[in-house]
PDB file of N, CA and C in Angstrom:
ATOM      1  N   MET A   1      -0.514 -16.526  36.193  1.00  0.00           N
ATOM      2  CA  MET A   1      -0.503 -15.828  34.912  1.00  0.00           C
ATOM      3  C   MET A   1       0.069 -14.439  35.127  1.00  0.00           C
ATOM      4  N   ILE A   2       0.934 -14.014  34.198  1.00  0.00           N
ATOM      5  CA  ILE A   2       1.434 -12.645  34.198  1.00  0.00           C
ATOM      6  C   ILE A   2       1.237 -12.052  32.812  1.00  0.00           C
ATOM      7  N   ASN A   3       1.262 -10.745  32.747  1.00  0.00           N
ATOM      8  CA  ASN A   3       1.218 -10.025  31.478  1.00  0.00           C
ATOM      9  C   ASN A   3       2.459  -9.165  31.399  1.00  0.00           C
ATOM     10  N   VAL A   4       2.980  -9.019  30.173  1.00  0.00           N
ATOM     11  CA  VAL A   4       4.172  -8.219  29.960  1.00  0.00           C
ATOM     12  C   VAL A   4       3.880  -7.205  28.866  1.00  0.00           C
ATOM     13  N   GLY A   5       4.141  -5.949  29.144  1.00  0.00           N
ATOM     14  CA  GLY A   5       4.052  -4.894  28.139  1.00  0.00           C
ATOM     15  C   GLY A   5       5.464  -4.562  27.683  1.00  0.00           C
ATOM     16  N   MET A   6       5.734  -4.705  26.388  1.00  0.00           N
ATOM     17  CA  MET A   6       7.040  -4.363  25.832  1.00  0.00           C
ATOM     18  C   MET A   6       6.837  -3.172  24.907  1.00  0.00           C
ATOM     19  N   TYR A   7       7.636  -2.126  25.099  1.00  0.00           N
ATOM     20  CA  TYR A   7       7.438  -0.849  24.423  1.00  0.00           C
ATOM     21  C   TYR A   7       8.593  -0.553  23.474  1.00  0.00           C
ATOM     22  N   TYR A   8       8.247  -0.130  22.244  1.00  0.00           N
ATOM     23  CA  TYR A   8       9.237   0.093  21.189  1.00  0.00           C
ATOM     24  C   TYR A   8       8.948   1.397  20.456  1.00  0.00           C
ATOM     25  N   ASN A   9       9.998   2.090  20.015  1.00  0.00           N
ATOM     26  CA  ASN A   9       9.906   3.223  19.104  1.00  0.00           C
ATOM     27  C   ASN A   9      10.525   2.771  17.784  1.00  0.00           C
ATOM     28  N   VAL A  10       9.676   2.549  16.797  1.00  0.00           N
ATOM     29  CA  VAL A  10      10.106   2.018  15.502  1.00  0.00           C
ATOM     30  C   VAL A  10      10.341   3.172  14.538  1.00  0.00           C
ATOM     31  N   LYS A  11      11.484   3.134  13.853  1.00  0.00           N
ATOM     32  CA  LYS A  11      11.827   4.179  12.892  1.00  0.00           C
ATOM     33  C   LYS A  11      10.788   4.226  11.776  1.00  0.00           C
ATOM     34  N   LYS A  12      10.436   5.447  11.354  1.00  0.00           N
ATOM     35  CA  LYS A  12       9.473   5.631  10.264  1.00  0.00           C
ATOM     36  C   LYS A  12       9.918   4.842   9.035  1.00  0.00           C
ATOM     37  N   GLY A  13       8.942   4.234   8.368  1.00  0.00           N
ATOM     38  CA  GLY A  13       9.222   3.438   7.188  1.00  0.00           C
ATOM     39  C   GLY A  13       9.472   1.968   7.487  1.00  0.00           C
ATOM     40  N   HIS A  14       9.569   1.612   8.779  1.00  0.00           N
ATOM     41  CA  HIS A  14       9.837   0.222   9.167  1.00  0.00           C
ATOM     42  C   HIS A  14       8.656  -0.414   9.914  1.00  0.00           C
ATOM     43  N   GLU A  15       7.523   0.261   9.905  1.00  0.00           N
ATOM     44  CA  GLU A  15       6.369  -0.227  10.660  1.00  0.00           C
ATOM     45  C   GLU A  15       5.899  -1.605  10.176  1.00  0.00           C
ATOM     46  N   LYS A  16       5.736  -1.774   8.886  1.00  0.00           N
ATOM     47  CA  LYS A  16       5.264  -3.067   8.361  1.00  0.00           C
ATOM     48  C   LYS A  16       6.269  -4.164   8.681  1.00  0.00           C
ATOM     49  N   GLU A  17       7.537  -3.868   8.532  1.00  0.00           N
ATOM     50  CA  GLU A  17       8.594  -4.834   8.854  1.00  0.00           C
ATOM     51  C   GLU A  17       8.503  -5.252  10.327  1.00  0.00           C
ATOM     52  N   PHE A  18       8.297  -4.294  11.213  1.00  0.00           N
ATOM     53  CA  PHE A  18       8.169  -4.583  12.639  1.00  0.00           C
ATOM     54  C   PHE A  18       6.938  -5.453  12.896  1.00  0.00           C
ATOM     55  N   GLU A  19       5.815  -5.098  12.289  1.00  0.00           N
ATOM     56  CA  GLU A  19       4.573  -5.851  12.486  1.00  0.00           C
ATOM     57  C   GLU A  19       4.694  -7.270  11.934  1.00  0.00           C
ATOM     58  N   ASP A  20       5.328  -7.429  10.769  1.00  0.00           N
ATOM     59  CA  ASP A  20       5.530  -8.765  10.193  1.00  0.00           C
ATOM     60  C   ASP A  20       6.445  -9.611  11.077  1.00  0.00           C
ATOM     61  N   THR A  21       7.490  -8.991  11.610  1.00  0.00           N
ATOM     62  CA  THR A  21       8.412  -9.708  12.496  1.00  0.00           C
ATOM     63  C   THR A  21       7.704 -10.113  13.776  1.00  0.00           C
ATOM     64  N   PHE A  22       6.856  -9.234  14.308  1.00  0.00           N
ATOM     65  CA  PHE A  22       6.061  -9.563  15.491  1.00  0.00           C
ATOM     66  C   PHE A  22       5.272 -10.844  15.245  1.00  0.00           C
ATOM     67  N   GLN A  23       4.598 -10.939  14.093  1.00  0.00           N
ATOM     68  CA  GLN A  23       3.785 -12.121  13.811  1.00  0.00           C
ATOM     69  C   GLN A  23       4.641 -13.385  13.724  1.00  0.00           C
ATOM     70  N   LYS A  24       5.814 -13.285  13.131  1.00  0.00           N
ATOM     71  CA  LYS A  24       6.716 -14.437  13.052  1.00  0.00           C
ATOM     72  C   LYS A  24       7.163 -14.878  14.447  1.00  0.00           C
ATOM     73  N   VAL A  25       7.462 -13.908  15.300  1.00  0.00           N
ATOM     74  CA  VAL A  25       7.884 -14.230  16.661  1.00  0.00           C
ATOM     75  C   VAL A  25       6.749 -14.895  17.433  1.00  0.00           C
ATOM     76  N   VAL A  26       5.528 -14.388  17.301  1.00  0.00           N
ATOM     77  CA  VAL A  26       4.381 -14.993  17.984  1.00  0.00           C
ATOM     78  C   VAL A  26       4.172 -16.429  17.501  1.00  0.00           C
ATOM     79  N   ASP A  27       4.266 -16.654  16.197  1.00  0.00           N
ATOM     80  CA  ASP A  27       4.127 -18.017  15.672  1.00  0.00           C
ATOM     81  C   ASP A  27       5.196 -18.937  16.266  1.00  0.00           C
ATOM     82  N   TYR A  28       6.431 -18.437  16.358  1.00  0.00           N
ATOM     83  CA  TYR A  28       7.517 -19.213  16.956  1.00  0.00           C
ATOM     84  C   TYR A  28       7.208 -19.525  18.421  1.00  0.00           C
ATOM     85  N   LEU A  29       6.789 -18.501  19.171  1.00  0.00           N
ATOM     86  CA  LEU A  29       6.497 -18.689  20.585  1.00  0.00           C
ATOM     87  C   LEU A  29       5.405 -19.735  20.807  1.00  0.00           C
ATOM     88  N   LYS A  30       4.337 -19.645  20.012  1.00  0.00           N
ATOM     89  CA  LYS A  30       3.232 -20.588  20.153  1.00  0.00           C
ATOM     90  C   LYS A  30       3.687 -22.033  19.978  1.00  0.00           C
ATOM     91  N   ASN A  31       4.620 -22.248  19.078  1.00  0.00           N
ATOM     92  CA  ASN A  31       5.055 -23.598  18.743  1.00  0.00           C
ATOM     93  C   ASN A  31       6.279 -24.081  19.507  1.00  0.00           C
ATOM     94  N   ASN A  32       7.010 -23.186  20.162  1.00  0.00           N
ATOM     95  CA  ASN A  32       8.299 -23.581  20.720  1.00  0.00           C
ATOM     96  C   ASN A  32       8.587 -23.178  22.159  1.00  0.00           C
ATOM     97  N   VAL A  33       7.784 -22.299  22.742  1.00  0.00           N
ATOM     98  CA  VAL A  33       8.140 -21.779  24.060  1.00  0.00           C
ATOM     99  C   VAL A  33       7.066 -22.152  25.079  1.00  0.00           C
ATOM    100  N   LYS A  34       7.473 -22.984  26.008  1.00  0.00           N
ATOM    101  CA  LYS A  34       6.578 -23.409  27.078  1.00  0.00           C
ATOM    102  C   LYS A  34       6.269 -22.215  27.975  1.00  0.00           C
ATOM    103  N   GLY A  35       5.020 -22.043  28.309  1.00  0.00           N
ATOM    104  CA  GLY A  35       4.616 -20.954  29.195  1.00  0.00           C
ATOM    105  C   GLY A  35       4.073 -19.732  28.476  1.00  0.00           C
ATOM    106  N   PHE A  36       4.273 -19.646  27.147  1.00  0.00           N
ATOM    107  CA  PHE A  36       3.723 -18.528  26.388  1.00  0.00           C
ATOM    108  C   PHE A  36       2.249 -18.797  26.125  1.00  0.00           C
ATOM    109  N   GLU A  37       1.403 -17.790  26.364  1.00  0.00           N
ATOM    110  CA  GLU A  37      -0.038 -17.941  26.138  1.00  0.00           C
ATOM    111  C   GLU A  37      -0.486 -17.233  24.852  1.00  0.00           C
ATOM    112  N   LYS A  38      -0.285 -15.904  24.790  1.00  0.00           N
ATOM    113  CA  LYS A  38      -0.688 -15.149  23.598  1.00  0.00           C
ATOM    114  C   LYS A  38      -0.098 -13.748  23.659  1.00  0.00           C
ATOM    115  N   ALA A  39      -0.194 -13.030  22.524  1.00  0.00           N
ATOM    116  CA  ALA A  39       0.320 -11.659  22.471  1.00  0.00           C
ATOM    117  C   ALA A  39      -0.500 -10.835  21.489  1.00  0.00           C
ATOM    118  N   SER A  40      -0.561  -9.547  21.753  1.00  0.00           N
ATOM    119  CA  SER A  40      -1.229  -8.584  20.875  1.00  0.00           C
ATOM    120  C   SER A  40      -0.287  -7.406  20.675  1.00  0.00           C
ATOM    121  N   ILE A  41      -0.439  -6.742  19.529  1.00  0.00           N
ATOM    122  CA  ILE A  41       0.388  -5.579  19.232  1.00  0.00           C
ATOM    123  C   ILE A  41      -0.512  -4.352  19.127  1.00  0.00           C
ATOM    124  N   TYR A  42      -0.049  -3.241  19.683  1.00  0.00           N
ATOM    125  CA  TYR A  42      -0.795  -1.985  19.656  1.00  0.00           C
ATOM    126  C   TYR A  42       0.106  -0.892  19.104  1.00  0.00           C
ATOM    127  N   LYS A  43      -0.452  -0.079  18.238  1.00  0.00           N
ATOM    128  CA  LYS A  43       0.277   1.010  17.603  1.00  0.00           C
ATOM    129  C   LYS A  43      -0.325   2.331  18.053  1.00  0.00           C
ATOM    130  N   LYS A  44       0.524   3.258  18.487  1.00  0.00           N
ATOM    131  CA  LYS A  44       0.036   4.568  18.924  1.00  0.00           C
ATOM    132  C   LYS A  44      -0.452   5.349  17.709  1.00  0.00           C
ATOM    133  N   VAL A  45      -1.621   5.934  17.841  1.00  0.00           N
ATOM    134  CA  VAL A  45      -2.206   6.727  16.775  1.00  0.00           C
ATOM    135  C   VAL A  45      -1.730   8.165  16.943  1.00  0.00           C
ATOM    136  N   GLY A  46      -1.305   8.777  15.845  1.00  0.00           N
ATOM    137  CA  GLY A  46      -0.855  10.163  15.895  1.00  0.00           C
ATOM    138  C   GLY A  46       0.353  10.378  15.006  1.00  0.00           C
ATOM    139  N   GLU A  47       0.630  11.598  14.747  1.00  0.00           N
ATOM    140  CA  GLU A  47       1.749  11.980  13.877  1.00  0.00           C
ATOM    141  C   GLU A  47       2.685  12.909  14.622  1.00  0.00           C
ATOM    142  N   GLY A  48       3.780  13.287  13.935  1.00  0.00           N
ATOM    143  CA  GLY A  48       4.646  14.320  14.477  1.00  0.00           C
ATOM    144  C   GLY A  48       5.944  13.835  15.088  1.00  0.00           C
ATOM    145  N   SER A  49       6.233  12.562  15.031  1.00  0.00           N
ATOM    146  CA  SER A  49       7.465  12.046  15.604  1.00  0.00           C
ATOM    147  C   SER A  49       8.271  11.345  14.512  1.00  0.00           C
ATOM    148  N   SER A  50       9.552  11.178  14.765  1.00  0.00           N
ATOM    149  CA  SER A  50      10.391  10.456  13.805  1.00  0.00           C
ATOM    150  C   SER A  50      10.285   8.946  14.008  1.00  0.00           C
ATOM    151  N   THR A  51       9.490   8.532  14.996  1.00  0.00           N
ATOM    152  CA  THR A  51       9.271   7.109  15.258  1.00  0.00           C
ATOM    153  C   THR A  51       7.784   6.840  15.443  1.00  0.00           C
ATOM    154  N   THR A  52       7.428   5.568  15.359  1.00  0.00           N
ATOM    155  CA  THR A  52       6.073   5.116  15.650  1.00  0.00           C
ATOM    156  C   THR A  52       6.154   4.260  16.905  1.00  0.00           C
ATOM    157  N   GLU A  53       5.334   4.570  17.888  1.00  0.00           N
ATOM    158  CA  GLU A  53       5.364   3.826  19.139  1.00  0.00           C
ATOM    159  C   GLU A  53       4.470   2.594  19.071  1.00  0.00           C
ATOM    160  N   TYR A  54       5.006   1.485  19.576  1.00  0.00           N
ATOM    161  CA  TYR A  54       4.276   0.223  19.655  1.00  0.00           C
ATOM    162  C   TYR A  54       4.358  -0.328  21.065  1.00  0.00           C
ATOM    163  N   MET A  55       3.332  -1.082  21.437  1.00  0.00           N
ATOM    164  CA  MET A  55       3.388  -1.885  22.647  1.00  0.00           C
ATOM    165  C   MET A  55       2.989  -3.305  22.260  1.00  0.00           C
ATOM    166  N   ILE A  56       3.772  -4.249  22.707  1.00  0.00           N
ATOM    167  CA  ILE A  56       3.418  -5.657  22.564  1.00  0.00           C
ATOM    168  C   ILE A  56       3.004  -6.129  23.949  1.00  0.00           C
ATOM    169  N   TYR A  57       1.786  -6.625  24.046  1.00  0.00           N
ATOM    170  CA  TYR A  57       1.223  -7.060  25.324  1.00  0.00           C
ATOM    171  C   TYR A  57       1.074  -8.568  25.276  1.00  0.00           C
ATOM    172  N   SER A  58       1.818  -9.277  26.117  1.00  0.00           N
ATOM    173  CA  SER A  58       1.809 -10.732  26.067  1.00  0.00           C
ATOM    174  C   SER A  58       1.373 -11.334  27.397  1.00  0.00           C
ATOM    175  N   GLU A  59       0.863 -12.560  27.310  1.00  0.00           N
ATOM    176  CA  GLU A  59       0.452 -13.311  28.498  1.00  0.00           C
ATOM    177  C   GLU A  59       1.339 -14.541  28.616  1.00  0.00           C
ATOM    178  N   TRP A  60       1.787 -14.792  29.833  1.00  0.00           N
ATOM    179  CA  TRP A  60       2.678 -15.908  30.134  1.00  0.00           C
ATOM    180  C   TRP A  60       2.147 -16.686  31.329  1.00  0.00           C
ATOM    181  N   LYS A  61       2.487 -17.945  31.376  1.00  0.00           N
ATOM    182  CA  LYS A  61       2.063 -18.803  32.488  1.00  0.00           C
ATOM    183  C   LYS A  61       2.570 -18.237  33.811  1.00  0.00           C
ATOM    184  N   ASP A  62       3.830 -17.783  33.817  1.00  0.00           N
ATOM    185  CA  ASP A  62       4.432 -17.251  35.036  1.00  0.00           C
ATOM    186  C   ASP A  62       5.674 -16.432  34.686  1.00  0.00           C
ATOM    187  N   VAL A  63       6.228 -15.748  35.672  1.00  0.00           N
ATOM    188  CA  VAL A  63       7.410 -14.911  35.463  1.00  0.00           C
ATOM    189  C   VAL A  63       8.587 -15.748  34.987  1.00  0.00           C
ATOM    190  N   ASP A  64       8.748 -16.937  35.529  1.00  0.00           N
ATOM    191  CA  ASP A  64       9.878 -17.783  35.139  1.00  0.00           C
ATOM    192  C   ASP A  64       9.834 -18.132  33.651  1.00  0.00           C
ATOM    193  N   SER A  65       8.649 -18.377  33.102  1.00  0.00           N
ATOM    194  CA  SER A  65       8.523 -18.676  31.671  1.00  0.00           C
ATOM    195  C   SER A  65       8.980 -17.491  30.829  1.00  0.00           C
ATOM    196  N   PHE A  66       8.560 -16.293  31.210  1.00  0.00           N
ATOM    197  CA  PHE A  66       8.971 -15.106  30.474  1.00  0.00           C
ATOM    198  C   PHE A  66      10.479 -14.892  30.590  1.00  0.00           C
ATOM    199  N   ARG A  67      11.009 -15.005  31.782  1.00  0.00           N
ATOM    200  CA  ARG A  67      12.457 -14.791  31.979  1.00  0.00           C
ATOM    201  C   ARG A  67      13.275 -15.831  31.215  1.00  0.00           C
ATOM    202  N   GLU A  68      12.794 -17.056  31.182  1.00  0.00           N
ATOM    203  CA  GLU A  68      13.492 -18.096  30.419  1.00  0.00           C
ATOM    204  C   GLU A  68      13.536 -17.717  28.939  1.00  0.00           C
ATOM    205  N   PHE A  69      12.428 -17.213  28.422  1.00  0.00           N
ATOM    206  CA  PHE A  69      12.389 -16.766  27.026  1.00  0.00           C
ATOM    207  C   PHE A  69      13.402 -15.654  26.773  1.00  0.00           C
ATOM    208  N   THR A  70      13.520 -14.697  27.699  1.00  0.00           N
ATOM    209  CA  THR A  70      14.427 -13.565  27.476  1.00  0.00           C
ATOM    210  C   THR A  70      15.898 -13.967  27.509  1.00  0.00           C
ATOM    211  N   THR A  71      16.197 -15.170  27.950  1.00  0.00           N
ATOM    212  CA  THR A  71      17.584 -15.649  27.923  1.00  0.00           C
ATOM    213  C   THR A  71      17.839 -16.588  26.748  1.00  0.00           C
ATOM    214  N   ALA A  72      16.804 -16.873  25.956  1.00  0.00           N
ATOM    215  CA  ALA A  72      16.934 -17.818  24.836  1.00  0.00           C
ATOM    216  C   ALA A  72      17.633 -17.173  23.638  1.00  0.00           C
ATOM    217  N   LYS A  73      18.264 -18.014  22.844  1.00  0.00           N
ATOM    218  CA  LYS A  73      18.972 -17.567  21.642  1.00  0.00           C
ATOM    219  C   LYS A  73      18.029 -16.823  20.689  1.00  0.00           C
ATOM    220  N   ALA A  74      16.807 -17.337  20.503  1.00  0.00           N
ATOM    221  CA  ALA A  74      15.842 -16.722  19.582  1.00  0.00           C
ATOM    222  C   ALA A  74      15.509 -15.292  20.005  1.00  0.00           C
ATOM    223  N   PHE A  75      15.391 -15.052  21.305  1.00  0.00           N
ATOM    224  CA  PHE A  75      15.104 -13.710  21.794  1.00  0.00           C
ATOM    225  C   PHE A  75      16.263 -12.775  21.478  1.00  0.00           C
ATOM    226  N   HIS A  76      17.469 -13.224  21.717  1.00  0.00           N
ATOM    227  CA  HIS A  76      18.644 -12.380  21.467  1.00  0.00           C
ATOM    228  C   HIS A  76      18.852 -12.116  19.975  1.00  0.00           C
ATOM    229  N   GLU A  77      18.555 -13.087  19.137  1.00  0.00           N
ATOM    230  CA  GLU A  77      18.654 -12.868  17.690  1.00  0.00           C
ATOM    231  C   GLU A  77      17.649 -11.821  17.231  1.00  0.00           C
ATOM    232  N   THR A  78      16.443 -11.884  17.761  1.00  0.00           N
ATOM    233  CA  THR A  78      15.407 -10.919  17.394  1.00  0.00           C
ATOM    234  C   THR A  78      15.762  -9.524  17.881  1.00  0.00           C
ATOM    235  N   THR A  79      16.267  -9.409  19.095  1.00  0.00           N
ATOM    236  CA  THR A  79      16.615  -8.082  19.601  1.00  0.00           C
ATOM    237  C   THR A  79      17.812  -7.494  18.857  1.00  0.00           C
ATOM    238  N   GLU A  80      18.746  -8.323  18.448  1.00  0.00           N
ATOM    239  CA  GLU A  80      19.882  -7.828  17.651  1.00  0.00           C
ATOM    240  C   GLU A  80      19.384  -7.284  16.314  1.00  0.00           C
ATOM    241  N   TYR A  81      18.509  -8.040  15.659  1.00  0.00           N
ATOM    242  CA  TYR A  81      17.928  -7.599  14.393  1.00  0.00           C
ATOM    243  C   TYR A  81      17.161  -6.290  14.595  1.00  0.00           C
ATOM    244  N   GLY A  82      16.406  -6.202  15.666  1.00  0.00           N
ATOM    245  CA  GLY A  82      15.575  -5.036  15.934  1.00  0.00           C
ATOM    246  C   GLY A  82      16.345  -3.740  16.075  1.00  0.00           C
ATOM    247  N   LYS A  83      17.605  -3.819  16.448  1.00  0.00           N
ATOM    248  CA  LYS A  83      18.410  -2.607  16.623  1.00  0.00           C
ATOM    249  C   LYS A  83      18.484  -1.774  15.347  1.00  0.00           C
ATOM    250  N   SER A  84      18.301  -2.412  14.188  1.00  0.00           N
ATOM    251  CA  SER A  84      18.380  -1.679  12.924  1.00  0.00           C
ATOM    252  C   SER A  84      17.103  -0.898  12.610  1.00  0.00           C
ATOM    253  N   ILE A  85      15.981  -1.252  13.248  1.00  0.00           N
ATOM    254  CA  ILE A  85      14.716  -0.578  12.940  1.00  0.00           C
ATOM    255  C   ILE A  85      14.083   0.106  14.154  1.00  0.00           C
ATOM    256  N   ILE A  86      14.703  -0.023  15.303  1.00  0.00           N
ATOM    257  CA  ILE A  86      14.184   0.570  16.535  1.00  0.00           C
ATOM    258  C   ILE A  86      15.109   1.684  16.982  1.00  0.00           C
ATOM    259  N   GLU A  87      14.497   2.780  17.417  1.00  0.00           N
ATOM    260  CA  GLU A  87      15.271   3.898  17.939  1.00  0.00           C
ATOM    261  C   GLU A  87      15.241   3.842  19.462  1.00  0.00           C
ATOM    262  N   GLY A  88      16.392   3.983  20.062  1.00  0.00           N
ATOM    263  CA  GLY A  88      16.463   3.925  21.513  1.00  0.00           C
ATOM    264  C   GLY A  88      16.361   2.496  22.009  1.00  0.00           C
ATOM    265  N   ARG A  89      16.309   2.374  23.297  1.00  0.00           N
ATOM    266  CA  ARG A  89      16.253   1.058  23.928  1.00  0.00           C
ATOM    267  C   ARG A  89      14.811   0.714  24.300  1.00  0.00           C
ATOM    268  N   PRO A  90      14.319  -0.448  23.852  1.00  0.00           N
ATOM    269  CA  PRO A  90      12.975  -0.861  24.270  1.00  0.00           C
ATOM    270  C   PRO A  90      12.960  -1.161  25.775  1.00  0.00           C
ATOM    271  N   TYR A  91      11.796  -1.136  26.368  1.00  0.00           N
ATOM    272  CA  TYR A  91      11.694  -1.498  27.773  1.00  0.00           C
ATOM    273  C   TYR A  91      10.425  -2.323  27.973  1.00  0.00           C
ATOM    274  N   HIS A  92      10.362  -3.006  29.101  1.00  0.00           N
ATOM    275  CA  HIS A  92       9.177  -3.813  29.385  1.00  0.00           C
ATOM    276  C   HIS A  92       8.742  -3.623  30.835  1.00  0.00           C
ATOM    277  N   LYS A  93       7.492  -3.988  31.056  1.00  0.00           N
ATOM    278  CA  LYS A  93       6.922  -3.931  32.392  1.00  0.00           C
ATOM    279  C   LYS A  93       6.120  -5.206  32.599  1.00  0.00           C
ATOM    280  N   ILE A  94       6.319  -5.838  33.752  1.00  0.00           N
ATOM    281  CA  ILE A  94       5.605  -7.075  34.083  1.00  0.00           C
ATOM    282  C   ILE A  94       4.437  -6.728  34.988  1.00  0.00           C
ATOM    283  N   PHE A  95       3.259  -7.226  34.605  1.00  0.00           N
ATOM    284  CA  PHE A  95       2.031  -7.026  35.385  1.00  0.00           C
ATOM    285  C   PHE A  95       1.620  -8.386  35.957  1.00  0.00           C
ATOM    286  N   ASN A  96       1.629  -8.523  37.265  1.00  0.00           N
ATOM    287  CA  ASN A  96       1.212  -9.773  37.891  1.00  0.00           C
ATOM    288  C   ASN A  96      -0.295  -9.802  37.997  1.00  0.00           C
ATOM    289  N   GLU A  97      -0.843 -10.983  37.775  1.00  0.00           N
ATOM    290  CA  GLU A  97      -2.277 -11.164  37.924  1.00  0.00           C
ATOM    291  C   GLU A  97      -2.646 -11.073  39.409  1.00  0.00           C
ATOM    292  N   VAL A  98      -3.696 -10.345  39.696  1.00  0.00           N
ATOM    293  CA  VAL A  98      -4.187 -10.232  41.057  1.00  0.00           C
ATOM    294  C   VAL A  98      -5.266 -11.295  41.238  1.00  0.00           C
ATOM    295  N   LYS A  99      -5.075 -12.125  42.241  1.00  0.00           N
ATOM    296  CA  LYS A  99      -6.054 -13.185  42.507  1.00  0.00           C
ATOM    297  C   LYS A  99      -7.078 -12.706  43.516  1.00  0.00           C
ATOM    298  N   GLU A 100      -8.288 -13.219  43.395  1.00  0.00           N
ATOM    299  CA  GLU A 100      -9.361 -12.852  44.316  1.00  0.00           C
ATOM    300  C   GLU A 100      -8.940 -13.146  45.741  1.00  0.00           C
ATOM    301  N   GLY A 101      -9.260 -12.246  46.640  1.00  0.00           N
ATOM    302  CA  GLY A 101      -8.950 -12.456  48.050  1.00  0.00           C
ATOM    303  C   GLY A 101      -7.598 -11.876  48.434  1.00  0.00           C
ATOM    304  N   ASN A 102      -6.833 -11.335  47.471  1.00  0.00           N
ATOM    305  CA  ASN A 102      -5.531 -10.725  47.780  1.00  0.00           C
ATOM    306  C   ASN A 102      -5.633  -9.232  47.869  1.00  0.00           C
TER     307      ASN A 102
END
Protein backbone atom coordinates (compact mmCIF):
# COMPACT_ATOMS: atom_id res chain seq x y z
CA MET A 1 0.00 0.00 0.00
CA ILE A 2 1.18 3.52 -0.80
CA ASN A 3 -0.28 6.95 -0.18
CA VAL A 4 0.00 9.89 -2.54
CA GLY A 5 -0.38 13.55 -1.60
CA MET A 6 -1.25 15.76 -4.58
CA TYR A 7 -1.04 19.51 -3.97
CA TYR A 8 -2.94 22.21 -5.89
CA ASN A 9 -3.38 26.01 -5.79
CA VAL A 10 -6.91 26.65 -7.05
CA LYS A 11 -7.83 30.10 -8.35
CA LYS A 12 -10.33 31.98 -6.16
CA GLY A 13 -13.91 31.43 -7.26
CA HIS A 14 -13.19 27.92 -8.59
CA GLU A 15 -13.15 26.04 -5.29
CA LYS A 16 -16.57 24.38 -5.69
CA GLU A 17 -15.74 23.42 -9.28
CA PHE A 18 -12.48 21.82 -8.11
CA GLU A 19 -14.23 19.95 -5.28
CA ASP A 20 -17.01 18.71 -7.59
CA THR A 21 -14.45 17.54 -10.15
CA PHE A 22 -12.52 15.75 -7.39
CA GLN A 23 -15.66 13.78 -6.50
CA LYS A 24 -16.26 12.83 -10.15
CA VAL A 25 -12.67 11.64 -10.49
CA VAL A 26 -12.91 9.56 -7.29
CA ASP A 27 -16.13 7.95 -8.54
CA TYR A 28 -14.39 7.14 -11.84
CA LEU A 29 -11.35 5.70 -10.05
CA LYS A 30 -13.47 3.49 -7.80
CA ASN A 31 -15.25 1.98 -10.79
CA ASN A 32 -12.49 1.87 -13.40
CA VAL A 33 -8.96 1.86 -12.01
CA LYS A 34 -7.43 -1.28 -10.59
CA GLY A 35 -5.28 -0.60 -7.54
CA PHE A 36 -7.11 2.55 -6.39
CA GLU A 37 -8.29 2.28 -2.77
CA LYS A 38 -9.67 5.67 -1.66
CA ALA A 39 -9.03 9.42 -1.57
CA SER A 40 -9.77 12.42 0.63
CA ILE A 41 -9.57 16.13 -0.10
CA TYR A 42 -8.23 18.75 2.32
CA LYS A 43 -8.56 22.50 2.01
CA LYS A 44 -6.16 24.90 3.72
CA VAL A 45 -7.93 27.20 6.14
CA GLY A 46 -6.99 30.87 5.94
CA GLU A 47 -7.25 33.97 3.82
CA GLY A 48 -4.93 36.39 2.08
CA SER A 49 -3.91 34.59 -1.10
CA SER A 50 -5.15 34.74 -4.67
CA THR A 51 -5.48 30.94 -4.55
CA THR A 52 -6.90 28.29 -2.23
CA GLU A 53 -4.56 25.43 -1.40
CA TYR A 54 -5.80 21.84 -1.56
CA MET A 55 -4.26 18.47 -0.94
CA ILE A 56 -5.73 15.27 -2.30
CA TYR A 57 -4.54 12.29 -0.27
CA SER A 58 -5.08 8.94 -1.96
CA GLU A 59 -4.35 5.30 -1.17
CA TRP A 60 -3.19 2.85 -3.83
CA LYS A 61 -2.41 -0.85 -3.84
CA ASP A 62 1.14 -0.11 -5.01
CA VAL A 63 3.32 2.41 -6.85
CA ASP A 64 2.75 0.68 -10.18
CA SER A 65 -1.04 1.16 -9.88
CA PHE A 66 -0.61 4.88 -9.26
CA ARG A 67 1.93 5.29 -12.08
CA GLU A 68 -0.34 3.41 -14.47
CA PHE A 69 -3.15 5.83 -13.62
CA THR A 70 -0.92 8.86 -14.29
CA THR A 71 -0.31 7.61 -17.83
CA ALA A 72 -4.02 6.99 -18.56
CA LYS A 73 -6.07 9.14 -20.93
CA ALA A 74 -8.54 10.06 -18.14
CA PHE A 75 -5.72 11.47 -16.00
CA HIS A 76 -4.39 13.60 -18.84
CA GLU A 77 -7.86 14.90 -19.72
CA THR A 78 -8.42 15.94 -16.10
CA THR A 79 -5.05 17.66 -15.82
CA GLU A 80 -5.62 19.54 -19.09
CA TYR A 81 -9.00 20.75 -17.81
CA GLY A 82 -7.44 21.69 -14.47
CA LYS A 83 -5.03 24.14 -16.09
CA SER A 84 -7.92 26.61 -16.42
CA ILE A 85 -8.66 26.68 -12.67
CA ILE A 86 -5.26 25.91 -11.12
CA GLU A 87 -2.45 28.39 -10.69
CA GLY A 88 1.05 27.07 -11.12
CA ARG A 89 2.02 23.46 -11.49
CA PRO A 90 0.57 20.88 -9.09
CA TYR A 91 2.98 18.44 -7.50
CA HIS A 92 2.73 15.12 -5.70
CA LYS A 93 4.59 13.12 -3.12
CA ILE A 94 4.48 9.34 -2.70
CA PHE A 95 4.50 7.95 0.84
CA ASN A 96 5.40 4.26 1.09
CA GLU A 97 3.81 2.22 3.81
CA VAL A 98 6.29 1.15 6.47
CA LYS A 99 5.86 -2.49 7.41
CA GLU A 100 6.51 -3.81 10.90
CA GLY A 101 10.05 -5.07 11.34
CA ASN A 102 11.54 -2.65 8.76
